[in-house]
Amino acid sequence: KKGERVVLAVRPEAFTIEKGVKKGKNAIAGAVERMTFEGTNIRYEVRLKNEDLIVIVKPSLIGEWWKVGEKVTVSFPLEKTHVFAYPKAGLREELAVE
């Protein structure tokens, strides 16, 4: 329903990452906090403008790498997005490992 709080889930490989801050649908500004080379892939940890930290995985052979501290825009296709109802107990409580 409109105005209802939800949780979005997007697989790390579904994100697109571009240099600089750009506007667009499903686009969020952020900055690269960590880059880890994992052989055939590079794992980026990006701190979004809203302070969320997300993980993005890209093939290491794409030819363009982003540096730690670099401003980027992260976007994702709607068809790769999973929407869940926001947990009544709160997200941290729901995701806690016992």
N, C-alpha and C. Protein backbone atom coordinates (compact mmCIF):
# COMPACT_ATOMS: atom_id res chain seq x y z
N LYS A 1 0.83 -1.18 0.00
CA LYS A 1 0.00 0.00 0.00
C LYS A 1 0.88 1.25 0.00
N LYS A 2 0.37 2.28 -0.56
CA LYS A 2 1.11 3.53 -0.61
C LYS A 2 1.38 4.04 0.81
N GLY A 3 2.64 4.44 1.05
CA GLY A 3 3.03 4.97 2.34
C GLY A 3 3.43 3.91 3.36
N GLU A 4 3.29 2.64 3.00
CA GLU A 4 3.65 1.56 3.90
C GLU A 4 5.16 1.34 3.89
N ARG A 5 5.75 1.09 5.04
CA ARG A 5 7.18 0.87 5.14
C ARG A 5 7.52 -0.54 4.66
N VAL A 6 8.56 -0.66 3.83
CA VAL A 6 8.96 -1.95 3.27
C VAL A 6 10.48 -2.11 3.34
N VAL A 7 10.94 -3.31 3.05
CA VAL A 7 12.36 -3.62 2.94
C VAL A 7 12.62 -4.03 1.50
N LEU A 8 13.63 -3.43 0.87
CA LEU A 8 14.03 -3.81 -0.47
C LEU A 8 15.26 -4.69 -0.40
N ALA A 9 15.30 -5.73 -1.21
CA ALA A 9 16.47 -6.60 -1.29
C ALA A 9 16.90 -6.68 -2.75
N VAL A 10 18.19 -6.44 -2.98
CA VAL A 10 18.76 -6.50 -4.32
C VAL A 10 20.07 -7.27 -4.22
N ARG A 11 20.27 -8.24 -5.09
CA ARG A 11 21.52 -9.02 -5.08
C ARG A 11 22.70 -8.12 -5.44
N PRO A 12 23.87 -8.35 -4.84
CA PRO A 12 25.03 -7.49 -5.08
C PRO A 12 25.43 -7.34 -6.54
N GLU A 13 25.25 -8.39 -7.32
CA GLU A 13 25.65 -8.33 -8.73
C GLU A 13 24.63 -7.60 -9.61
N ALA A 14 23.46 -7.29 -9.07
CA ALA A 14 22.42 -6.60 -9.86
C ALA A 14 22.60 -5.08 -9.87
N PHE A 15 23.42 -4.55 -8.95
CA PHE A 15 23.64 -3.11 -8.90
C PHE A 15 24.51 -2.63 -10.05
N THR A 16 24.26 -1.41 -10.48
CA THR A 16 25.13 -0.70 -11.41
C THR A 16 25.82 0.39 -10.61
N ILE A 17 27.10 0.60 -10.87
CA ILE A 17 27.85 1.63 -10.16
C ILE A 17 28.51 2.54 -11.19
N GLU A 18 28.35 3.85 -11.00
CA GLU A 18 28.92 4.84 -11.93
C GLU A 18 29.68 5.90 -11.15
N LYS A 19 30.71 6.45 -11.77
CA LYS A 19 31.46 7.54 -11.15
C LYS A 19 30.60 8.79 -11.06
N GLY A 20 30.78 9.53 -9.97
CA GLY A 20 30.09 10.80 -9.81
C GLY A 20 28.67 10.64 -9.29
N VAL A 21 28.09 11.77 -8.96
CA VAL A 21 26.72 11.79 -8.45
C VAL A 21 25.79 12.15 -9.59
N LYS A 22 24.84 11.25 -9.87
CA LYS A 22 23.89 11.45 -10.97
C LYS A 22 22.49 11.22 -10.45
N LYS A 23 21.53 11.84 -11.09
CA LYS A 23 20.13 11.64 -10.72
C LYS A 23 19.50 10.65 -11.69
N GLY A 24 18.49 9.96 -11.21
CA GLY A 24 17.78 9.02 -12.06
C GLY A 24 16.90 8.12 -11.22
N LYS A 25 16.10 7.32 -11.90
CA LYS A 25 15.22 6.38 -11.21
C LYS A 25 16.07 5.31 -10.52
N ASN A 26 15.69 4.99 -9.30
CA ASN A 26 16.39 3.96 -8.53
C ASN A 26 17.88 4.25 -8.41
N ALA A 27 18.25 5.52 -8.36
CA ALA A 27 19.66 5.92 -8.25
C ALA A 27 19.90 6.58 -6.89
N ILE A 28 20.98 6.17 -6.24
CA ILE A 28 21.32 6.68 -4.92
C ILE A 28 22.80 7.06 -4.91
N ALA A 29 23.10 8.24 -4.40
CA ALA A 29 24.49 8.70 -4.30
C ALA A 29 25.16 8.01 -3.12
N GLY A 30 26.47 7.82 -3.24
CA GLY A 30 27.24 7.22 -2.16
C GLY A 30 28.72 7.40 -2.39
N ALA A 31 29.51 6.73 -1.57
CA ALA A 31 30.97 6.77 -1.68
C ALA A 31 31.53 5.39 -1.38
N VAL A 32 32.56 5.00 -2.11
CA VAL A 32 33.19 3.70 -1.92
C VAL A 32 33.95 3.71 -0.59
N GLU A 33 33.63 2.79 0.30
CA GLU A 33 34.33 2.68 1.58
C GLU A 33 35.40 1.62 1.56
N ARG A 34 35.17 0.56 0.81
CA ARG A 34 36.15 -0.53 0.74
C ARG A 34 36.06 -1.21 -0.61
N MET A 35 37.21 -1.62 -1.12
CA MET A 35 37.28 -2.38 -2.37
C MET A 35 38.13 -3.61 -2.10
N THR A 36 37.60 -4.78 -2.42
CA THR A 36 38.33 -6.02 -2.18
C THR A 36 38.39 -6.82 -3.47
N PHE A 37 39.61 -7.14 -3.91
CA PHE A 37 39.80 -7.95 -5.11
C PHE A 37 39.58 -9.40 -4.72
N GLU A 38 38.68 -10.09 -5.44
CA GLU A 38 38.35 -11.49 -5.14
C GLU A 38 38.57 -12.38 -6.36
N GLY A 39 39.66 -12.17 -7.07
CA GLY A 39 39.96 -12.97 -8.25
C GLY A 39 39.18 -12.48 -9.46
N THR A 40 38.13 -13.20 -9.82
CA THR A 40 37.34 -12.80 -11.00
C THR A 40 36.37 -11.66 -10.70
N ASN A 41 36.19 -11.34 -9.43
CA ASN A 41 35.27 -10.26 -9.04
C ASN A 41 35.95 -9.24 -8.14
N ILE A 42 35.35 -8.06 -8.10
CA ILE A 42 35.73 -7.04 -7.14
C ILE A 42 34.50 -6.75 -6.29
N ARG A 43 34.70 -6.74 -5.00
CA ARG A 43 33.62 -6.46 -4.05
C ARG A 43 33.79 -5.03 -3.55
N TYR A 44 32.75 -4.23 -3.74
CA TYR A 44 32.74 -2.85 -3.26
C TYR A 44 31.76 -2.72 -2.11
N GLU A 45 32.19 -2.01 -1.06
CA GLU A 45 31.27 -1.63 0.00
C GLU A 45 31.04 -0.14 -0.17
N VAL A 46 29.79 0.23 -0.39
CA VAL A 46 29.44 1.62 -0.68
C VAL A 46 28.52 2.15 0.41
N ARG A 47 28.92 3.28 1.00
CA ARG A 47 28.09 3.95 2.00
C ARG A 47 27.18 4.91 1.25
N LEU A 48 25.88 4.66 1.32
CA LEU A 48 24.92 5.48 0.61
C LEU A 48 24.67 6.80 1.34
N LYS A 49 24.06 7.72 0.63
CA LYS A 49 23.74 9.04 1.18
C LYS A 49 22.88 8.93 2.44
N ASN A 50 22.04 7.90 2.50
CA ASN A 50 21.17 7.71 3.67
C ASN A 50 21.87 6.95 4.80
N GLU A 51 23.19 6.73 4.66
CA GLU A 51 24.05 6.06 5.65
C GLU A 51 23.97 4.53 5.62
N ASP A 52 23.14 3.94 4.77
CA ASP A 52 23.14 2.49 4.62
C ASP A 52 24.43 2.06 3.94
N LEU A 53 24.92 0.87 4.28
CA LEU A 53 26.10 0.30 3.65
C LEU A 53 25.64 -0.86 2.79
N ILE A 54 25.99 -0.84 1.51
CA ILE A 54 25.60 -1.94 0.62
C ILE A 54 26.85 -2.56 0.00
N VAL A 55 26.69 -3.78 -0.48
CA VAL A 55 27.76 -4.50 -1.15
C VAL A 55 27.41 -4.63 -2.62
N ILE A 56 28.40 -4.34 -3.46
CA ILE A 56 28.24 -4.47 -4.90
C ILE A 56 29.36 -5.36 -5.40
N VAL A 57 29.04 -6.34 -6.23
CA VAL A 57 30.04 -7.24 -6.79
C VAL A 57 30.05 -7.07 -8.30
N LYS A 58 31.24 -6.79 -8.84
CA LYS A 58 31.40 -6.60 -10.28
C LYS A 58 32.56 -7.44 -10.78
N PRO A 59 32.49 -7.93 -12.04
CA PRO A 59 33.63 -8.67 -12.60
C PRO A 59 34.88 -7.78 -12.63
N SER A 60 36.02 -8.37 -12.29
CA SER A 60 37.26 -7.59 -12.26
C SER A 60 37.75 -7.25 -13.66
N LEU A 61 37.18 -7.85 -14.68
CA LEU A 61 37.62 -7.62 -16.05
C LEU A 61 36.85 -6.52 -16.76
N ILE A 62 35.98 -5.79 -16.07
CA ILE A 62 35.17 -4.77 -16.75
C ILE A 62 36.00 -3.57 -17.17
N GLY A 63 37.23 -3.44 -16.63
CA GLY A 63 38.12 -2.38 -17.09
C GLY A 63 38.02 -1.08 -16.31
N GLU A 64 36.98 -0.91 -15.51
CA GLU A 64 36.84 0.31 -14.73
C GLU A 64 36.69 -0.06 -13.27
N TRP A 65 37.59 0.48 -12.45
CA TRP A 65 37.54 0.22 -11.01
C TRP A 65 37.29 1.53 -10.30
N TRP A 66 36.67 1.47 -9.14
CA TRP A 66 36.40 2.66 -8.34
C TRP A 66 37.27 2.63 -7.10
N LYS A 67 37.79 3.78 -6.73
CA LYS A 67 38.73 3.88 -5.61
C LYS A 67 37.99 4.17 -4.30
N VAL A 68 38.62 3.80 -3.20
CA VAL A 68 38.08 4.11 -1.88
C VAL A 68 37.98 5.63 -1.74
N GLY A 69 36.84 6.09 -1.28
CA GLY A 69 36.58 7.52 -1.12
C GLY A 69 35.92 8.17 -2.32
N GLU A 70 35.90 7.47 -3.44
CA GLU A 70 35.33 8.04 -4.67
C GLU A 70 33.80 8.14 -4.56
N LYS A 71 33.27 9.28 -5.01
CA LYS A 71 31.81 9.49 -5.05
C LYS A 71 31.25 8.71 -6.23
N VAL A 72 30.17 7.99 -5.98
CA VAL A 72 29.56 7.16 -7.01
C VAL A 72 28.04 7.27 -6.94
N THR A 73 27.40 6.79 -7.99
CA THR A 73 25.95 6.63 -8.01
C THR A 73 25.65 5.16 -8.20
N VAL A 74 24.81 4.63 -7.35
CA VAL A 74 24.41 3.23 -7.39
C VAL A 74 22.97 3.17 -7.89
N SER A 75 22.71 2.28 -8.82
CA SER A 75 21.33 2.11 -9.30
C SER A 75 21.05 0.62 -9.47
N PHE A 76 19.78 0.30 -9.64
CA PHE A 76 19.39 -1.09 -9.77
C PHE A 76 18.10 -1.17 -10.58
N PRO A 77 17.95 -2.24 -11.38
CA PRO A 77 16.72 -2.41 -12.16
C PRO A 77 15.58 -2.87 -11.26
N LEU A 78 14.42 -2.31 -11.48
CA LEU A 78 13.24 -2.66 -10.69
C LEU A 78 12.94 -4.15 -10.72
N GLU A 79 13.15 -4.78 -11.87
CA GLU A 79 12.82 -6.21 -12.00
C GLU A 79 13.76 -7.10 -11.18
N LYS A 80 14.85 -6.56 -10.68
CA LYS A 80 15.78 -7.32 -9.83
C LYS A 80 15.58 -7.01 -8.35
N THR A 81 14.51 -6.30 -8.03
CA THR A 81 14.23 -5.87 -6.66
C THR A 81 13.17 -6.77 -6.03
N HIS A 82 13.45 -7.19 -4.80
CA HIS A 82 12.49 -7.98 -4.03
C HIS A 82 11.96 -7.09 -2.90
N VAL A 83 10.65 -7.04 -2.74
CA VAL A 83 10.03 -6.18 -1.74
C VAL A 83 9.39 -7.04 -0.65
N PHE A 84 9.71 -6.70 0.61
CA PHE A 84 9.17 -7.43 1.75
C PHE A 84 8.51 -6.44 2.71
N ALA A 85 7.50 -6.90 3.42
CA ALA A 85 6.88 -6.07 4.46
C ALA A 85 7.91 -5.80 5.54
N TYR A 86 7.89 -4.60 6.09
CA TYR A 86 8.83 -4.26 7.16
C TYR A 86 8.45 -5.06 8.41
N PRO A 87 9.41 -5.75 9.04
CA PRO A 87 9.09 -6.58 10.21
C PRO A 87 8.54 -5.75 11.38
N LYS A 88 7.53 -6.28 12.03
CA LYS A 88 6.91 -5.57 13.16
C LYS A 88 7.89 -5.36 14.31
N ALA A 89 8.80 -6.32 14.51
CA ALA A 89 9.78 -6.23 15.60
C ALA A 89 10.96 -5.32 15.24
N GLY A 90 11.02 -4.88 14.00
CA GLY A 90 12.14 -4.07 13.55
C GLY A 90 13.12 -4.89 12.73
N LEU A 91 13.83 -4.25 11.85
CA LEU A 91 14.73 -4.95 10.93
C LEU A 91 15.92 -5.57 11.65
N ARG A 92 16.54 -4.85 12.57
CA ARG A 92 17.70 -5.40 13.30
C ARG A 92 17.31 -6.66 14.08
N GLU A 93 16.18 -6.61 14.73
CA GLU A 93 15.71 -7.76 15.51
C GLU A 93 15.42 -8.95 14.59
N GLU A 94 14.80 -8.69 13.46
CA GLU A 94 14.45 -9.74 12.51
C GLU A 94 15.69 -10.41 11.92
N LEU A 95 16.74 -9.63 11.68
CA LEU A 95 17.95 -10.16 11.06
C LEU A 95 18.98 -10.66 12.06
N ALA A 96 18.72 -10.51 13.34
CA ALA A 96 19.68 -10.92 14.37
C ALA A 96 19.90 -12.43 14.34
N VAL A 97 21.16 -12.82 14.53
CA VAL A 97 21.52 -14.23 14.59
C VAL A 97 21.61 -14.62 16.06
N GLU A 98 20.90 -15.68 16.40
CA GLU A 98 20.90 -16.10 17.82
C GLU A 98 21.93 -17.16 18.05
